[in-house]
PDB file of N, CA and C in Angstrom:
ATOM      1  N   MET A   1     233.757 130.144  61.484  1.00  0.00           N
ATOM      2  CA  MET A   1     234.651 130.607  60.453  1.00  0.00           C
ATOM      3  C   MET A   1     233.980 131.744  59.679  1.00  0.00           C
ATOM      4  N   LYS A   2     234.673 132.859  59.537  1.00  0.00           N
ATOM      5  CA  LYS A   2     234.115 134.013  58.849  1.00  0.00           C
ATOM      6  C   LYS A   2     234.302 133.889  57.345  1.00  0.00           C
ATOM      7  N   LYS A   3     233.276 134.314  56.627  1.00  0.00           N
ATOM      8  CA  LYS A   3     233.379 134.349  55.174  1.00  0.00           C
ATOM      9  C   LYS A   3     233.923 135.705  54.763  1.00  0.00           C
ATOM     10  N   ARG A   4     234.800 135.699  53.774  1.00  0.00           N
ATOM     11  CA  ARG A   4     235.369 136.937  53.285  1.00  0.00           C
ATOM     12  C   ARG A   4     234.972 137.145  51.839  1.00  0.00           C
ATOM     13  N   GLN A   5     234.742 138.367  51.518  1.00  0.00           N
ATOM     14  CA  GLN A   5     234.414 138.708  50.146  1.00  0.00           C
ATOM     15  C   GLN A   5     235.605 139.435  49.549  1.00  0.00           C
ATOM     16  N   VAL A   6     236.069 138.947  48.409  1.00  0.00           N
ATOM     17  CA  VAL A   6     237.214 139.541  47.742  1.00  0.00           C
ATOM     18  C   VAL A   6     236.721 140.303  46.524  1.00  0.00           C
ATOM     19  N   VAL A   7     237.172 141.528  46.388  1.00  0.00           N
ATOM     20  CA  VAL A   7     236.816 142.365  45.251  1.00  0.00           C
ATOM     21  C   VAL A   7     238.088 142.636  44.460  1.00  0.00           C
ATOM     22  N   VAL A   8     238.060 142.307  43.191  1.00  0.00           N
ATOM     23  CA  VAL A   8     239.215 142.527  42.332  1.00  0.00           C
ATOM     24  C   VAL A   8     238.905 143.675  41.398  1.00  0.00           C
ATOM     25  N   LYS A   9     239.744 144.691  41.425  1.00  0.00           N
ATOM     26  CA  LYS A   9     239.569 145.843  40.544  1.00  0.00           C
ATOM     27  C   LYS A   9     240.539 145.701  39.379  1.00  0.00           C
ATOM     28  N   ARG A  10     240.013 145.870  38.191  1.00  0.00           N
ATOM     29  CA  ARG A  10     240.849 145.829  37.003  1.00  0.00           C
ATOM     30  C   ARG A  10     240.768 147.167  36.311  1.00  0.00           C
ATOM     31  N   GLU A  11     241.901 147.665  35.917  1.00  0.00           N
ATOM     32  CA  GLU A  11     241.933 148.923  35.193  1.00  0.00           C
ATOM     33  C   GLU A  11     242.291 148.635  33.748  1.00  0.00           C
ATOM     34  N   TYR A  12     241.469 149.114  32.866  1.00  0.00           N
ATOM     35  CA  TYR A  12     241.703 148.932  31.443  1.00  0.00           C
ATOM     36  C   TYR A  12     242.130 150.258  30.842  1.00  0.00           C
ATOM     37  N   ALA A  13     242.856 150.175  29.769  1.00  0.00           N
ATOM     38  CA  ALA A  13     243.276 151.388  29.077  1.00  0.00           C
ATOM     39  C   ALA A  13     242.049 152.128  28.563  1.00  0.00           C
ATOM     40  N   ALA A  14     242.123 153.426  28.581  1.00  0.00           N
ATOM     41  CA  ALA A  14     240.985 154.237  28.153  1.00  0.00           C
ATOM     42  C   ALA A  14     240.692 154.064  26.673  1.00  0.00           C
ATOM     43  N   SER A  15     241.724 153.781  25.884  1.00  0.00           N
ATOM     44  CA  SER A  15     241.502 153.614  24.451  1.00  0.00           C
ATOM     45  C   SER A  15     241.294 152.137  24.138  1.00  0.00           C
ATOM     46  N   SER A  16     240.054 151.760  23.911  1.00  0.00           N
ATOM     47  CA  SER A  16     239.761 150.391  23.521  1.00  0.00           C
ATOM     48  C   SER A  16     239.294 150.387  22.075  1.00  0.00           C
ATOM     49  N   ALA A  17     240.054 151.061  21.242  1.00  0.00           N
ATOM     50  CA  ALA A  17     239.715 151.166  19.831  1.00  0.00           C
ATOM     51  C   ALA A  17     239.823 149.802  19.168  1.00  0.00           C
ATOM     52  N   VAL A  18     239.100 149.646  18.092  1.00  0.00           N
ATOM     53  CA  VAL A  18     239.077 148.372  17.386  1.00  0.00           C
ATOM     54  C   VAL A  18     240.467 147.999  16.898  1.00  0.00           C
ATOM     55  N   GLY A  19     241.301 148.977  16.572  1.00  0.00           N
ATOM     56  CA  GLY A  19     242.641 148.718  16.071  1.00  0.00           C
ATOM     57  C   GLY A  19     243.565 148.108  17.110  1.00  0.00           C
ATOM     58  N   ASN A  20     243.276 148.248  18.409  1.00  0.00           N
ATOM     59  CA  ASN A  20     244.134 147.729  19.464  1.00  0.00           C
ATOM     60  C   ASN A  20     243.703 146.359  19.962  1.00  0.00           C
ATOM     61  N   ILE A  21     242.566 145.863  19.507  1.00  0.00           N
ATOM     62  CA  ILE A  21     242.054 144.576  19.968  1.00  0.00           C
ATOM     63  C   ILE A  21     241.851 143.655  18.774  1.00  0.00           C
ATOM     64  N   ARG A  22     242.292 142.414  18.935  1.00  0.00           N
ATOM     65  CA  ARG A  22     242.125 141.411  17.889  1.00  0.00           C
ATOM     66  C   ARG A  22     241.453 140.196  18.525  1.00  0.00           C
ATOM     67  N   TYR A  23     240.513 139.609  17.827  1.00  0.00           N
ATOM     68  CA  TYR A  23     239.843 138.408  18.325  1.00  0.00           C
ATOM     69  C   TYR A  23     240.356 137.215  17.527  1.00  0.00           C
ATOM     70  N   GLY A  24     240.995 136.290  18.217  1.00  0.00           N
ATOM     71  CA  GLY A  24     241.646 135.146  17.582  1.00  0.00           C
ATOM     72  C   GLY A  24     240.725 133.946  17.438  1.00  0.00           C
ATOM     73  N   GLU A  25     241.279 132.768  17.694  1.00  0.00           N
ATOM     74  CA  GLU A  25     240.564 131.522  17.444  1.00  0.00           C
ATOM     75  C   GLU A  25     239.341 131.345  18.335  1.00  0.00           C
ATOM     76  N   CYS A  26     238.353 130.634  17.804  1.00  0.00           N
ATOM     77  CA  CYS A  26     237.111 130.370  18.521  1.00  0.00           C
ATOM     78  C   CYS A  26     237.359 129.288  19.565  1.00  0.00           C
ATOM     79  N   GLN A  27     236.873 129.506  20.769  1.00  0.00           N
ATOM     80  CA  GLN A  27     237.076 128.565  21.864  1.00  0.00           C
ATOM     81  C   GLN A  27     235.771 127.955  22.352  1.00  0.00           C
ATOM     82  N   LYS A  28     234.711 128.065  21.561  1.00  0.00           N
ATOM     83  CA  LYS A  28     233.417 127.515  21.966  1.00  0.00           C
ATOM     84  C   LYS A  28     233.472 125.987  21.919  1.00  0.00           C
ATOM     85  N   ASN A  29     233.044 125.369  23.000  1.00  0.00           N
ATOM     86  CA  ASN A  29     232.991 123.912  23.083  1.00  0.00           C
ATOM     87  C   ASN A  29     231.643 123.449  22.532  1.00  0.00           C
ATOM     88  N   HIS A  30     231.660 122.907  21.328  1.00  0.00           N
ATOM     89  CA  HIS A  30     230.422 122.487  20.678  1.00  0.00           C
ATOM     90  C   HIS A  30     229.899 121.148  21.201  1.00  0.00           C
ATOM     91  N   ALA A  31     230.698 120.428  21.956  1.00  0.00           N
ATOM     92  CA  ALA A  31     230.271 119.136  22.484  1.00  0.00           C
ATOM     93  C   ALA A  31     230.041 119.167  23.991  1.00  0.00           C
ATOM     94  N   ALA A  32     229.836 120.342  24.551  1.00  0.00           N
ATOM     95  CA  ALA A  32     229.676 120.471  26.003  1.00  0.00           C
ATOM     96  C   ALA A  32     228.432 119.747  26.509  1.00  0.00           C
ATOM     97  N   ASN A  33     227.365 119.759  25.713  1.00  0.00           N
ATOM     98  CA  ASN A  33     226.127 119.115  26.176  1.00  0.00           C
ATOM     99  C   ASN A  33     226.237 117.597  26.231  1.00  0.00           C
ATOM    100  N   THR A  34     227.216 117.009  25.560  1.00  0.00           N
ATOM    101  CA  THR A  34     227.407 115.556  25.602  1.00  0.00           C
ATOM    102  C   THR A  34     228.545 115.160  26.541  1.00  0.00           C
ATOM    103  N   GLY A  35     229.186 116.154  27.164  1.00  0.00           N
ATOM    104  CA  GLY A  35     230.283 115.874  28.084  1.00  0.00           C
ATOM    105  C   GLY A  35     231.629 115.799  27.406  1.00  0.00           C
ATOM    106  N   GLY A  36     231.711 116.103  26.134  1.00  0.00           N
ATOM    107  CA  GLY A  36     232.968 116.047  25.403  1.00  0.00           C
ATOM    108  C   GLY A  36     233.580 117.411  25.197  1.00  0.00           C
ATOM    109  N   TYR A  37     234.585 117.449  24.338  1.00  0.00           N
ATOM    110  CA  TYR A  37     235.239 118.706  24.011  1.00  0.00           C
ATOM    111  C   TYR A  37     235.535 118.717  22.521  1.00  0.00           C
ATOM    112  N   ALA A  38     234.979 119.671  21.812  1.00  0.00           N
ATOM    113  CA  ALA A  38     235.225 119.805  20.373  1.00  0.00           C
ATOM    114  C   ALA A  38     235.069 121.261  19.983  1.00  0.00           C
ATOM    115  N   VAL A  39     236.085 121.799  19.332  1.00  0.00           N
ATOM    116  CA  VAL A  39     236.018 123.166  18.817  1.00  0.00           C
ATOM    117  C   VAL A  39     235.908 123.089  17.305  1.00  0.00           C
ATOM    118  N   ASP A  40     235.420 124.160  16.687  1.00  0.00           N
ATOM    119  CA  ASP A  40     235.140 124.114  15.254  1.00  0.00           C
ATOM    120  C   ASP A  40     236.340 124.423  14.369  1.00  0.00           C
ATOM    121  N   GLY A  41     237.407 124.959  14.921  1.00  0.00           N
ATOM    122  CA  GLY A  41     238.601 125.223  14.130  1.00  0.00           C
ATOM    123  C   GLY A  41     238.649 126.608  13.522  1.00  0.00           C
ATOM    124  N   CYS A  42     237.711 127.470  13.852  1.00  0.00           N
ATOM    125  CA  CYS A  42     237.718 128.838  13.351  1.00  0.00           C
ATOM    126  C   CYS A  42     238.948 129.543  13.921  1.00  0.00           C
ATOM    127  N   ARG A  43     239.774 130.102  13.069  1.00  0.00           N
ATOM    128  CA  ARG A  43     241.050 130.667  13.498  1.00  0.00           C
ATOM    129  C   ARG A  43     241.008 132.149  13.848  1.00  0.00           C
ATOM    130  N   GLU A  44     240.029 132.897  13.308  1.00  0.00           N
ATOM    131  CA  GLU A  44     239.974 134.330  13.585  1.00  0.00           C
ATOM    132  C   GLU A  44     238.558 134.849  13.398  1.00  0.00           C
ATOM    133  N   PHE A  45     238.160 135.781  14.252  1.00  0.00           N
ATOM    134  CA  PHE A  45     236.834 136.385  14.181  1.00  0.00           C
ATOM    135  C   PHE A  45     236.743 137.320  12.984  1.00  0.00           C
ATOM    136  N   MET A  46     235.696 137.138  12.189  1.00  0.00           N
ATOM    137  CA  MET A  46     235.393 138.043  11.083  1.00  0.00           C
ATOM    138  C   MET A  46     233.937 138.473  11.253  1.00  0.00           C
ATOM    139  N   ALA A  47     233.712 139.768  11.404  1.00  0.00           N
ATOM    140  CA  ALA A  47     232.359 140.280  11.639  1.00  0.00           C
ATOM    141  C   ALA A  47     231.459 139.997  10.445  1.00  0.00           C
ATOM    142  N   SER A  48     230.211 139.636  10.724  1.00  0.00           N
ATOM    143  CA  SER A  48     229.241 139.344   9.664  1.00  0.00           C
ATOM    144  C   SER A  48     228.736 140.601   8.986  1.00  0.00           C
ATOM    145  N   ALA A  49     228.773 141.734   9.686  1.00  0.00           N
ATOM    146  CA  ALA A  49     228.270 142.995   9.132  1.00  0.00           C
ATOM    147  C   ALA A  49     229.124 144.141   9.647  1.00  0.00           C
ATOM    148  N   GLY A  50     228.769 145.344   9.247  1.00  0.00           N
ATOM    149  CA  GLY A  50     229.519 146.529   9.629  1.00  0.00           C
ATOM    150  C   GLY A  50     229.378 146.886  11.093  1.00  0.00           C
ATOM    151  N   GLU A  51     230.297 147.697  11.568  1.00  0.00           N
ATOM    152  CA  GLU A  51     230.314 148.152  12.961  1.00  0.00           C
ATOM    153  C   GLU A  51     229.035 148.906  13.295  1.00  0.00           C
ATOM    154  N   GLY A  52     228.491 148.652  14.476  1.00  0.00           N
ATOM    155  CA  GLY A  52     227.293 149.339  14.924  1.00  0.00           C
ATOM    156  C   GLY A  52     226.015 148.544  14.738  1.00  0.00           C
ATOM    157  N   THR A  53     226.078 147.409  14.074  1.00  0.00           N
ATOM    158  CA  THR A  53     224.900 146.562  13.901  1.00  0.00           C
ATOM    159  C   THR A  53     225.005 145.360  14.824  1.00  0.00           C
ATOM    160  N   SER A  54     223.899 144.678  15.060  1.00  0.00           N
ATOM    161  CA  SER A  54     223.926 143.502  15.939  1.00  0.00           C
ATOM    162  C   SER A  54     224.679 142.345  15.292  1.00  0.00           C
ATOM    163  N   ALA A  55     224.707 142.303  13.971  1.00  0.00           N
ATOM    164  CA  ALA A  55     225.427 141.236  13.272  1.00  0.00           C
ATOM    165  C   ALA A  55     226.940 141.427  13.334  1.00  0.00           C
ATOM    166  N   ALA A  56     227.397 142.577  13.776  1.00  0.00           N
ATOM    167  CA  ALA A  56     228.831 142.824  13.894  1.00  0.00           C
ATOM    168  C   ALA A  56     229.448 141.984  15.005  1.00  0.00           C
ATOM    169  N   LEU A  57     228.632 141.451  15.902  1.00  0.00           N
ATOM    170  CA  LEU A  57     229.126 140.619  17.003  1.00  0.00           C
ATOM    171  C   LEU A  57     229.076 139.135  16.684  1.00  0.00           C
ATOM    172  N   THR A  58     228.630 138.771  15.480  1.00  0.00           N
ATOM    173  CA  THR A  58     228.542 137.378  15.058  1.00  0.00           C
ATOM    174  C   THR A  58     229.641 137.091  14.039  1.00  0.00           C
ATOM    175  N   CYS A  59     230.336 135.977  14.204  1.00  0.00           N
ATOM    176  CA  CYS A  59     231.430 135.609  13.308  1.00  0.00           C
ATOM    177  C   CYS A  59     230.871 135.067  11.992  1.00  0.00           C
ATOM    178  N   ALA A  60     231.384 135.575  10.882  1.00  0.00           N
ATOM    179  CA  ALA A  60     230.936 135.123   9.570  1.00  0.00           C
ATOM    180  C   ALA A  60     231.434 133.708   9.268  1.00  0.00           C
ATOM    181  N   ALA A  61     232.547 133.303   9.864  1.00  0.00           N
ATOM    182  CA  ALA A  61     233.128 131.989   9.584  1.00  0.00           C
ATOM    183  C   ALA A  61     232.440 130.853  10.340  1.00  0.00           C
ATOM    184  N   CYS A  62     232.191 131.056  11.639  1.00  0.00           N
ATOM    185  CA  CYS A  62     231.663 129.950  12.444  1.00  0.00           C
ATOM    186  C   CYS A  62     230.271 130.205  13.004  1.00  0.00           C
ATOM    187  N   GLY A  63     229.791 131.444  12.968  1.00  0.00           N
ATOM    188  CA  GLY A  63     228.460 131.757  13.465  1.00  0.00           C
ATOM    189  C   GLY A  63     228.381 131.987  14.963  1.00  0.00           C
ATOM    190  N   CYS A  64     229.496 131.934  15.670  1.00  0.00           N
ATOM    191  CA  CYS A  64     229.521 132.137  17.118  1.00  0.00           C
ATOM    192  C   CYS A  64     229.574 133.623  17.452  1.00  0.00           C
ATOM    193  N   HIS A  65     229.187 133.958  18.684  1.00  0.00           N
ATOM    194  CA  HIS A  65     229.294 135.329  19.175  1.00  0.00           C
ATOM    195  C   HIS A  65     230.772 135.662  19.382  1.00  0.00           C
ATOM    196  N   ARG A  66     231.090 136.938  19.301  1.00  0.00           N
ATOM    197  CA  ARG A  66     232.474 137.400  19.437  1.00  0.00           C
ATOM    198  C   ARG A  66     233.086 137.008  20.781  1.00  0.00           C
ATOM    199  N   ASN A  67     232.271 136.869  21.837  1.00  0.00           N
ATOM    200  CA  ASN A  67     232.792 136.514  23.164  1.00  0.00           C
ATOM    201  C   ASN A  67     233.441 135.138  23.204  1.00  0.00           C
ATOM    202  N   PHE A  68     233.110 134.245  22.272  1.00  0.00           N
ATOM    203  CA  PHE A  68     233.715 132.920  22.251  1.00  0.00           C
ATOM    204  C   PHE A  68     235.116 132.933  21.657  1.00  0.00           C
ATOM    205  N   HIS A  69     235.504 134.040  21.037  1.00  0.00           N
ATOM    206  CA  HIS A  69     236.822 134.144  20.422  1.00  0.00           C
ATOM    207  C   HIS A  69     237.814 134.731  21.406  1.00  0.00           C
ATOM    208  N   LYS A  70     239.045 134.251  21.344  1.00  0.00           N
ATOM    209  CA  LYS A  70     240.094 134.692  22.259  1.00  0.00           C
ATOM    210  C   LYS A  70     240.436 136.151  21.987  1.00  0.00           C
ATOM    211  N   LYS A  71     240.343 136.979  23.027  1.00  0.00           N
ATOM    212  CA  LYS A  71     240.609 138.412  22.901  1.00  0.00           C
ATOM    213  C   LYS A  71     242.090 138.667  23.131  1.00  0.00           C
ATOM    214  N   GLU A  72     242.720 139.337  22.187  1.00  0.00           N
ATOM    215  CA  GLU A  72     244.128 139.670  22.285  1.00  0.00           C
ATOM    216  C   GLU A  72     244.285 141.177  22.185  1.00  0.00           C
ATOM    217  N   VAL A  73     244.905 141.782  23.184  1.00  0.00           N
ATOM    218  CA  VAL A  73     245.144 143.217  23.175  1.00  0.00           C
ATOM    219  C   VAL A  73     246.523 143.437  22.578  1.00  0.00           C
ATOM    220  N   LEU A  74     246.558 144.210  21.499  1.00  0.00           N
ATOM    221  CA  LEU A  74     247.807 144.482  20.811  1.00  0.00           C
ATOM    222  C   LEU A  74     248.464 145.709  21.422  1.00  0.00           C
ATOM    223  N   HIS A  75     249.712 145.577  21.789  1.00  0.00           N
ATOM    224  CA  HIS A  75     250.456 146.680  22.403  1.00  0.00           C
ATOM    225  C   HIS A  75     251.357 147.319  21.357  1.00  0.00           C
ATOM    226  N   GLY A  76     251.511 148.608  21.445  1.00  0.00           N
ATOM    227  CA  GLY A  76     252.411 149.313  20.549  1.00  0.00           C
ATOM    228  C   GLY A  76     251.788 149.669  19.213  1.00  0.00           C
ATOM    229  N   VAL A  77     250.486 149.500  19.062  1.00  0.00           N
ATOM    230  CA  VAL A  77     249.814 149.850  17.825  1.00  0.00           C
ATOM    231  C   VAL A  77     249.317 151.273  17.953  1.00  0.00           C
ATOM    232  N   ASN A  78     249.654 152.088  16.983  1.00  0.00           N
ATOM    233  CA  ASN A  78     249.200 153.492  17.009  1.00  0.00           C
ATOM    234  C   ASN A  78     247.988 153.687  16.207  1.00  0.00           C
TER     235      ASN A  78
END
């Protein structure tokens, strides 16, 4: 039986400005190491510091990295 490799290409819009992207609720599973499931209830990402710093990727509300928050691309925003 032959193995096949599948490559998926995704095209993103050239403008990934901060105004077109919103980070929603935190989805980090805080009980993963015990085999459970528990989220902290953080509803929206709020940057700890200004844009361009390393703290800008940390949420001021829950302390998680921005990648744990649900990314929502807003359409029709100018």
